Amino acid sequence: MNVSDVLLIERACERLIVDSATFNDRRQWAALAGLYTPGGVVVRPNGQRLEGREVLLERVVTPEAEERI
C-alpha cells in the first residue's frame, strides 16, 4: 500500500464520519442506515446492539425510539 492509497482510505473514512453526523443531525434516517452494510452492527451509548441495516432503520424511525444513534 502506498501513500496515495492510505490518503484515499483516510479520506473515505472522514467522508463516512461527516455523512453519518450530517444524516443524523438532519434526521435523514434512511440515508444514515444506508451507510451501513446489511449486516452492520451499531452499539449505542447505552450498550444496546442494533444488528442489520433494517433493524437500525426501524429503531431510529419509530416514534418510541428513545435515543438516536
PDB file of N, CA and C in Angstrom:
ATOM      1  N   MET A   1       0.860  -1.169   0.000  1.00  0.00           N
ATOM      2  CA  MET A   1       0.000   0.000   0.000  1.00  0.00           C
ATOM      3  C   MET A   1       0.910   1.236   0.000  1.00  0.00           C
ATOM      4  N   ASN A   2       0.631   2.151  -0.903  1.00  0.00           N
ATOM      5  CA  ASN A   2       1.459   3.359  -0.968  1.00  0.00           C
ATOM      6  C   ASN A   2       0.761   4.529  -0.271  1.00  0.00           C
ATOM      7  N   VAL A   3       1.446   5.646  -0.227  1.00  0.00           N
ATOM      8  CA  VAL A   3       0.936   6.827   0.470  1.00  0.00           C
ATOM      9  C   VAL A   3      -0.394   7.294  -0.129  1.00  0.00           C
ATOM     10  N   SER A   4      -0.522   7.254  -1.439  1.00  0.00           N
ATOM     11  CA  SER A   4      -1.772   7.670  -2.083  1.00  0.00           C
ATOM     12  C   SER A   4      -2.937   6.790  -1.655  1.00  0.00           C
ATOM     13  N   ASP A   5      -2.692   5.487  -1.571  1.00  0.00           N
ATOM     14  CA  ASP A   5      -3.742   4.565  -1.122  1.00  0.00           C
ATOM     15  C   ASP A   5      -4.187   4.898   0.300  1.00  0.00           C
ATOM     16  N   VAL A   6      -3.228   5.155   1.162  1.00  0.00           N
ATOM     17  CA  VAL A   6      -3.540   5.486   2.556  1.00  0.00           C
ATOM     18  C   VAL A   6      -4.360   6.770   2.626  1.00  0.00           C
ATOM     19  N   LEU A   7      -3.965   7.768   1.867  1.00  0.00           N
ATOM     20  CA  LEU A   7      -4.698   9.033   1.865  1.00  0.00           C
ATOM     21  C   LEU A   7      -6.127   8.859   1.347  1.00  0.00           C
ATOM     22  N   LEU A   8      -6.308   8.043   0.326  1.00  0.00           N
ATOM     23  CA  LEU A   8      -7.655   7.792  -0.200  1.00  0.00           C
ATOM     24  C   LEU A   8      -8.524   7.067   0.824  1.00  0.00           C
ATOM     25  N   ILE A   9      -7.950   6.102   1.519  1.00  0.00           N
ATOM     26  CA  ILE A   9      -8.697   5.373   2.548  1.00  0.00           C
ATOM     27  C   ILE A   9      -9.056   6.309   3.694  1.00  0.00           C
ATOM     28  N   GLU A  10      -8.100   7.131   4.127  1.00  0.00           N
ATOM     29  CA  GLU A  10      -8.378   8.085   5.203  1.00  0.00           C
ATOM     30  C   GLU A  10      -9.484   9.047   4.796  1.00  0.00           C
ATOM     31  N   ARG A  11      -9.450   9.513   3.577  1.00  0.00           N
ATOM     32  CA  ARG A  11     -10.468  10.456   3.096  1.00  0.00           C
ATOM     33  C   ARG A  11     -11.839   9.799   3.059  1.00  0.00           C
ATOM     34  N   ALA A  12     -11.893   8.546   2.631  1.00  0.00           N
ATOM     35  CA  ALA A  12     -13.173   7.833   2.598  1.00  0.00           C
ATOM     36  C   ALA A  12     -13.728   7.675   4.014  1.00  0.00           C
ATOM     37  N   CYS A  13     -12.867   7.405   4.975  1.00  0.00           N
ATOM     38  CA  CYS A  13     -13.304   7.282   6.373  1.00  0.00           C
ATOM     39  C   CYS A  13     -13.820   8.622   6.899  1.00  0.00           C
ATOM     40  N   GLU A  14     -13.105   9.700   6.588  1.00  0.00           N
ATOM     41  CA  GLU A  14     -13.543  11.032   7.007  1.00  0.00           C
ATOM     42  C   GLU A  14     -14.915  11.351   6.421  1.00  0.00           C
ATOM     43  N   ARG A  15     -15.117  11.037   5.151  1.00  0.00           N
ATOM     44  CA  ARG A  15     -16.396  11.310   4.484  1.00  0.00           C
ATOM     45  C   ARG A  15     -17.518  10.527   5.147  1.00  0.00           C
ATOM     46  N   LEU A  16     -17.248   9.294   5.510  1.00  0.00           N
ATOM     47  CA  LEU A  16     -18.247   8.460   6.170  1.00  0.00           C
ATOM     48  C   LEU A  16     -18.649   9.049   7.518  1.00  0.00           C
ATOM     49  N   ILE A  17     -17.695   9.548   8.271  1.00  0.00           N
ATOM     50  CA  ILE A  17     -17.975  10.161   9.572  1.00  0.00           C
ATOM     51  C   ILE A  17     -18.816  11.429   9.396  1.00  0.00           C
ATOM     52  N   VAL A  18     -18.431  12.262   8.449  1.00  0.00           N
ATOM     53  CA  VAL A  18     -19.165  13.507   8.203  1.00  0.00           C
ATOM     54  C   VAL A  18     -20.587  13.204   7.713  1.00  0.00           C
ATOM     55  N   ASP A  19     -20.708  12.265   6.786  1.00  0.00           N
ATOM     56  CA  ASP A  19     -22.044  11.904   6.287  1.00  0.00           C
ATOM     57  C   ASP A  19     -22.919  11.360   7.414  1.00  0.00           C
ATOM     58  N   SER A  20     -22.350  10.520   8.251  1.00  0.00           N
ATOM     59  CA  SER A  20     -23.103   9.947   9.367  1.00  0.00           C
ATOM     60  C   SER A  20     -23.632  11.042  10.290  1.00  0.00           C
ATOM     61  N   ALA A  21     -22.788  11.970  10.658  1.00  0.00           N
ATOM     62  CA  ALA A  21     -23.202  13.065  11.539  1.00  0.00           C
ATOM     63  C   ALA A  21     -24.247  13.952  10.861  1.00  0.00           C
ATOM     64  N   THR A  22     -24.038  14.233   9.589  1.00  0.00           N
ATOM     65  CA  THR A  22     -24.971  15.075   8.838  1.00  0.00           C
ATOM     66  C   THR A  22     -26.346  14.431   8.740  1.00  0.00           C
ATOM     67  N   PHE A  23     -26.390  13.162   8.355  1.00  0.00           N
ATOM     68  CA  PHE A  23     -27.671  12.469   8.218  1.00  0.00           C
ATOM     69  C   PHE A  23     -28.377  12.363   9.566  1.00  0.00           C
ATOM     70  N   ASN A  24     -27.619  12.130  10.618  1.00  0.00           N
ATOM     71  CA  ASN A  24     -28.209  12.051  11.949  1.00  0.00           C
ATOM     72  C   ASN A  24     -28.785  13.411  12.354  1.00  0.00           C
ATOM     73  N   ASP A  25     -28.016  14.464  12.173  1.00  0.00           N
ATOM     74  CA  ASP A  25     -28.474  15.810  12.538  1.00  0.00           C
ATOM     75  C   ASP A  25     -29.718  16.231  11.751  1.00  0.00           C
ATOM     76  N   ARG A  26     -29.767  15.833  10.489  1.00  0.00           N
ATOM     77  CA  ARG A  26     -30.888  16.208   9.620  1.00  0.00           C
ATOM     78  C   ARG A  26     -32.047  15.212   9.693  1.00  0.00           C
ATOM     79  N   ARG A  27     -31.888  14.196  10.513  1.00  0.00           N
ATOM     80  CA  ARG A  27     -32.907  13.147  10.680  1.00  0.00           C
ATOM     81  C   ARG A  27     -33.230  12.464   9.362  1.00  0.00           C
ATOM     82  N   GLN A  28     -32.211  12.271   8.554  1.00  0.00           N
ATOM     83  CA  GLN A  28     -32.339  11.538   7.296  1.00  0.00           C
ATOM     84  C   GLN A  28     -31.992  10.074   7.588  1.00  0.00           C
ATOM     85  N   TRP A  29     -32.956   9.395   8.212  1.00  0.00           N
ATOM     86  CA  TRP A  29     -32.687   8.061   8.754  1.00  0.00           C
ATOM     87  C   TRP A  29     -32.374   7.028   7.693  1.00  0.00           C
ATOM     88  N   ALA A  30     -33.069   7.062   6.573  1.00  0.00           N
ATOM     89  CA  ALA A  30     -32.794   6.082   5.514  1.00  0.00           C
ATOM     90  C   ALA A  30     -31.382   6.262   4.966  1.00  0.00           C
ATOM     91  N   ALA A  31     -30.970   7.511   4.804  1.00  0.00           N
ATOM     92  CA  ALA A  31     -29.615   7.779   4.323  1.00  0.00           C
ATOM     93  C   ALA A  31     -28.587   7.320   5.353  1.00  0.00           C
ATOM     94  N   LEU A  32     -28.859   7.558   6.626  1.00  0.00           N
ATOM     95  CA  LEU A  32     -27.957   7.114   7.691  1.00  0.00           C
ATOM     96  C   LEU A  32     -27.837   5.593   7.678  1.00  0.00           C
ATOM     97  N   ALA A  33     -28.957   4.895   7.629  1.00  0.00           N
ATOM     98  CA  ALA A  33     -28.936   3.432   7.611  1.00  0.00           C
ATOM     99  C   ALA A  33     -28.216   2.917   6.367  1.00  0.00           C
ATOM    100  N   GLY A  34     -28.334   3.647   5.263  1.00  0.00           N
ATOM    101  CA  GLY A  34     -27.681   3.255   4.023  1.00  0.00           C
ATOM    102  C   GLY A  34     -26.167   3.286   4.082  1.00  0.00           C
ATOM    103  N   LEU A  35     -25.610   3.945   5.078  1.00  0.00           N
ATOM    104  CA  LEU A  35     -24.154   3.964   5.233  1.00  0.00           C
ATOM    105  C   LEU A  35     -23.620   2.639   5.768  1.00  0.00           C
ATOM    106  N   TYR A  36     -24.507   1.826   6.318  1.00  0.00           N
ATOM    107  CA  TYR A  36     -24.106   0.560   6.929  1.00  0.00           C
ATOM    108  C   TYR A  36     -24.325  -0.596   5.969  1.00  0.00           C
ATOM    109  N   THR A  37     -23.521  -1.632   6.116  1.00  0.00           N
ATOM    110  CA  THR A  37     -23.723  -2.852   5.341  1.00  0.00           C
ATOM    111  C   THR A  37     -24.985  -3.539   5.847  1.00  0.00           C
ATOM    112  N   PRO A  38     -25.574  -4.432   5.056  1.00  0.00           N
ATOM    113  CA  PRO A  38     -26.790  -5.119   5.507  1.00  0.00           C
ATOM    114  C   PRO A  38     -26.621  -5.826   6.860  1.00  0.00           C
ATOM    115  N   GLY A  39     -25.432  -6.294   7.155  1.00  0.00           N
ATOM    116  CA  GLY A  39     -25.191  -6.974   8.425  1.00  0.00           C
ATOM    117  C   GLY A  39     -24.447  -6.128   9.429  1.00  0.00           C
ATOM    118  N   GLY A  40     -24.380  -4.829   9.187  1.00  0.00           N
ATOM    119  CA  GLY A  40     -23.641  -3.929  10.070  1.00  0.00           C
ATOM    120  C   GLY A  40     -24.199  -3.898  11.483  1.00  0.00           C
ATOM    121  N   VAL A  41     -23.344  -3.568  12.426  1.00  0.00           N
ATOM    122  CA  VAL A  41     -23.732  -3.520  13.841  1.00  0.00           C
ATOM    123  C   VAL A  41     -23.429  -2.137  14.392  1.00  0.00           C
ATOM    124  N   VAL A  42     -24.414  -1.575  15.103  1.00  0.00           N
ATOM    125  CA  VAL A  42     -24.232  -0.320  15.823  1.00  0.00           C
ATOM    126  C   VAL A  42     -24.416  -0.627  17.300  1.00  0.00           C
ATOM    127  N   VAL A  43     -23.516  -0.135  18.120  1.00  0.00           N
ATOM    128  CA  VAL A  43     -23.678  -0.268  19.565  1.00  0.00           C
ATOM    129  C   VAL A  43     -23.931   1.133  20.099  1.00  0.00           C
ATOM    130  N   ARG A  44     -25.107   1.319  20.657  1.00  0.00           N
ATOM    131  CA  ARG A  44     -25.488   2.625  21.198  1.00  0.00           C
ATOM    132  C   ARG A  44     -24.734   2.910  22.494  1.00  0.00           C
ATOM    133  N   PRO A  45     -24.700   4.176  22.901  1.00  0.00           N
ATOM    134  CA  PRO A  45     -24.013   4.533  24.148  1.00  0.00           C
ATOM    135  C   PRO A  45     -24.525   3.752  25.366  1.00  0.00           C
ATOM    136  N   ASN A  46     -25.790   3.328  25.325  1.00  0.00           N
ATOM    137  CA  ASN A  46     -26.340   2.566  26.455  1.00  0.00           C
ATOM    138  C   ASN A  46     -25.998   1.077  26.369  1.00  0.00           C
ATOM    139  N   GLY A  47     -25.234   0.685  25.341  1.00  0.00           N
ATOM    140  CA  GLY A  47     -24.817  -0.696  25.177  1.00  0.00           C
ATOM    141  C   GLY A  47     -25.733  -1.525  24.293  1.00  0.00           C
ATOM    142  N   GLN A  48     -26.885  -0.986  23.916  1.00  0.00           N
ATOM    143  CA  GLN A  48     -27.815  -1.718  23.063  1.00  0.00           C
ATOM    144  C   GLN A  48     -27.194  -1.953  21.690  1.00  0.00           C
ATOM    145  N   ARG A  49     -27.258  -3.203  21.226  1.00  0.00           N
ATOM    146  CA  ARG A  49     -26.742  -3.557  19.897  1.00  0.00           C
ATOM    147  C   ARG A  49     -27.872  -3.533  18.881  1.00  0.00           C
ATOM    148  N   LEU A  50     -27.646  -2.874  17.781  1.00  0.00           N
ATOM    149  CA  LEU A  50     -28.572  -2.888  16.657  1.00  0.00           C
ATOM    150  C   LEU A  50     -27.852  -3.615  15.531  1.00  0.00           C
ATOM    151  N   GLU A  51     -28.373  -4.774  15.141  1.00  0.00           N
ATOM    152  CA  GLU A  51     -27.709  -5.602  14.135  1.00  0.00           C
ATOM    153  C   GLU A  51     -28.502  -5.624  12.841  1.00  0.00           C
ATOM    154  N   GLY A  52     -27.892  -5.107  11.784  1.00  0.00           N
ATOM    155  CA  GLY A  52     -28.514  -5.099  10.468  1.00  0.00           C
ATOM    156  C   GLY A  52     -29.086  -3.737  10.102  1.00  0.00           C
ATOM    157  N   ARG A  53     -28.958  -3.419   8.848  1.00  0.00           N
ATOM    158  CA  ARG A  53     -29.417  -2.127   8.334  1.00  0.00           C
ATOM    159  C   ARG A  53     -30.905  -1.918   8.578  1.00  0.00           C
ATOM    160  N   GLU A  54     -31.699  -2.949   8.356  1.00  0.00           N
ATOM    161  CA  GLU A  54     -33.148  -2.827   8.528  1.00  0.00           C
ATOM    162  C   GLU A  54     -33.524  -2.581   9.990  1.00  0.00           C
ATOM    163  N   VAL A  55     -32.854  -3.251  10.900  1.00  0.00           N
ATOM    164  CA  VAL A  55     -33.115  -3.047  12.337  1.00  0.00           C
ATOM    165  C   VAL A  55     -32.723  -1.629  12.731  1.00  0.00           C
ATOM    166  N   LEU A  56     -31.581  -1.190  12.246  1.00  0.00           N
ATOM    167  CA  LEU A  56     -31.135   0.175  12.530  1.00  0.00           C
ATOM    168  C   LEU A  56     -32.177   1.181  12.061  1.00  0.00           C
ATOM    169  N   LEU A  57     -32.626   1.034  10.841  1.00  0.00           N
ATOM    170  CA  LEU A  57     -33.614   1.966  10.296  1.00  0.00           C
ATOM    171  C   LEU A  57     -34.913   1.909  11.099  1.00  0.00           C
ATOM    172  N   GLU A  58     -35.353   0.722  11.428  1.00  0.00           N
ATOM    173  CA  GLU A  58     -36.579   0.562  12.210  1.00  0.00           C
ATOM    174  C   GLU A  58     -36.481   1.254  13.568  1.00  0.00           C
ATOM    175  N   ARG A  59     -35.356   1.111  14.232  1.00  0.00           N
ATOM    176  CA  ARG A  59     -35.189   1.661  15.573  1.00  0.00           C
ATOM    177  C   ARG A  59     -35.049   3.176  15.584  1.00  0.00           C
ATOM    178  N   VAL A  60     -34.498   3.771  14.559  1.00  0.00           N
ATOM    179  CA  VAL A  60     -34.347   5.231  14.571  1.00  0.00           C
ATOM    180  C   VAL A  60     -35.563   5.941  14.022  1.00  0.00           C
ATOM    181  N   VAL A  61     -36.403   5.253  13.275  1.00  0.00           N
ATOM    182  CA  VAL A  61     -37.568   5.893  12.668  1.00  0.00           C
ATOM    183  C   VAL A  61     -38.800   5.818  13.566  1.00  0.00           C
ATOM    184  N   THR A  62     -38.928   4.784  14.362  1.00  0.00           N
ATOM    185  CA  THR A  62     -40.130   4.616  15.164  1.00  0.00           C
ATOM    186  C   THR A  62     -40.239   5.718  16.207  1.00  0.00           C
ATOM    187  N   PRO A  63     -41.454   6.211  16.459  1.00  0.00           N
ATOM    188  CA  PRO A  63     -41.651   7.296  17.410  1.00  0.00           C
ATOM    189  C   PRO A  63     -41.166   6.942  18.830  1.00  0.00           C
ATOM    190  N   GLU A  64     -41.219   5.677  19.181  1.00  0.00           N
ATOM    191  CA  GLU A  64     -40.815   5.301  20.538  1.00  0.00           C
ATOM    192  C   GLU A  64     -39.300   5.131  20.693  1.00  0.00           C
ATOM    193  N   ALA A  65     -38.552   5.385  19.644  1.00  0.00           N
ATOM    194  CA  ALA A  65     -37.089   5.292  19.749  1.00  0.00           C
ATOM    195  C   ALA A  65     -36.612   6.390  20.704  1.00  0.00           C
ATOM    196  N   GLU A  66     -36.194   5.970  21.883  1.00  0.00           N
ATOM    197  CA  GLU A  66     -35.875   6.958  22.911  1.00  0.00           C
ATOM    198  C   GLU A  66     -34.549   7.666  22.701  1.00  0.00           C
ATOM    199  N   GLU A  67     -33.657   7.064  21.946  1.00  0.00           N
ATOM    200  CA  GLU A  67     -32.399   7.749  21.658  1.00  0.00           C
ATOM    201  C   GLU A  67     -31.981   7.451  20.239  1.00  0.00           C
ATOM    202  N   ARG A  68     -31.319   8.371  19.679  1.00  0.00           N
ATOM    203  CA  ARG A  68     -30.847   8.214  18.292  1.00  0.00           C
ATOM    204  C   ARG A  68     -29.412   7.703  18.325  1.00  0.00           C
ATOM    205  N   ILE A  69     -28.915   7.436  17.173  1.00  0.00           N
ATOM    206  CA  ILE A  69     -27.551   6.932  17.041  1.00  0.00           C
ATOM    207  C   ILE A  69     -26.567   7.962  17.554  1.00  0.00           C
TER     208      ILE A  69
END
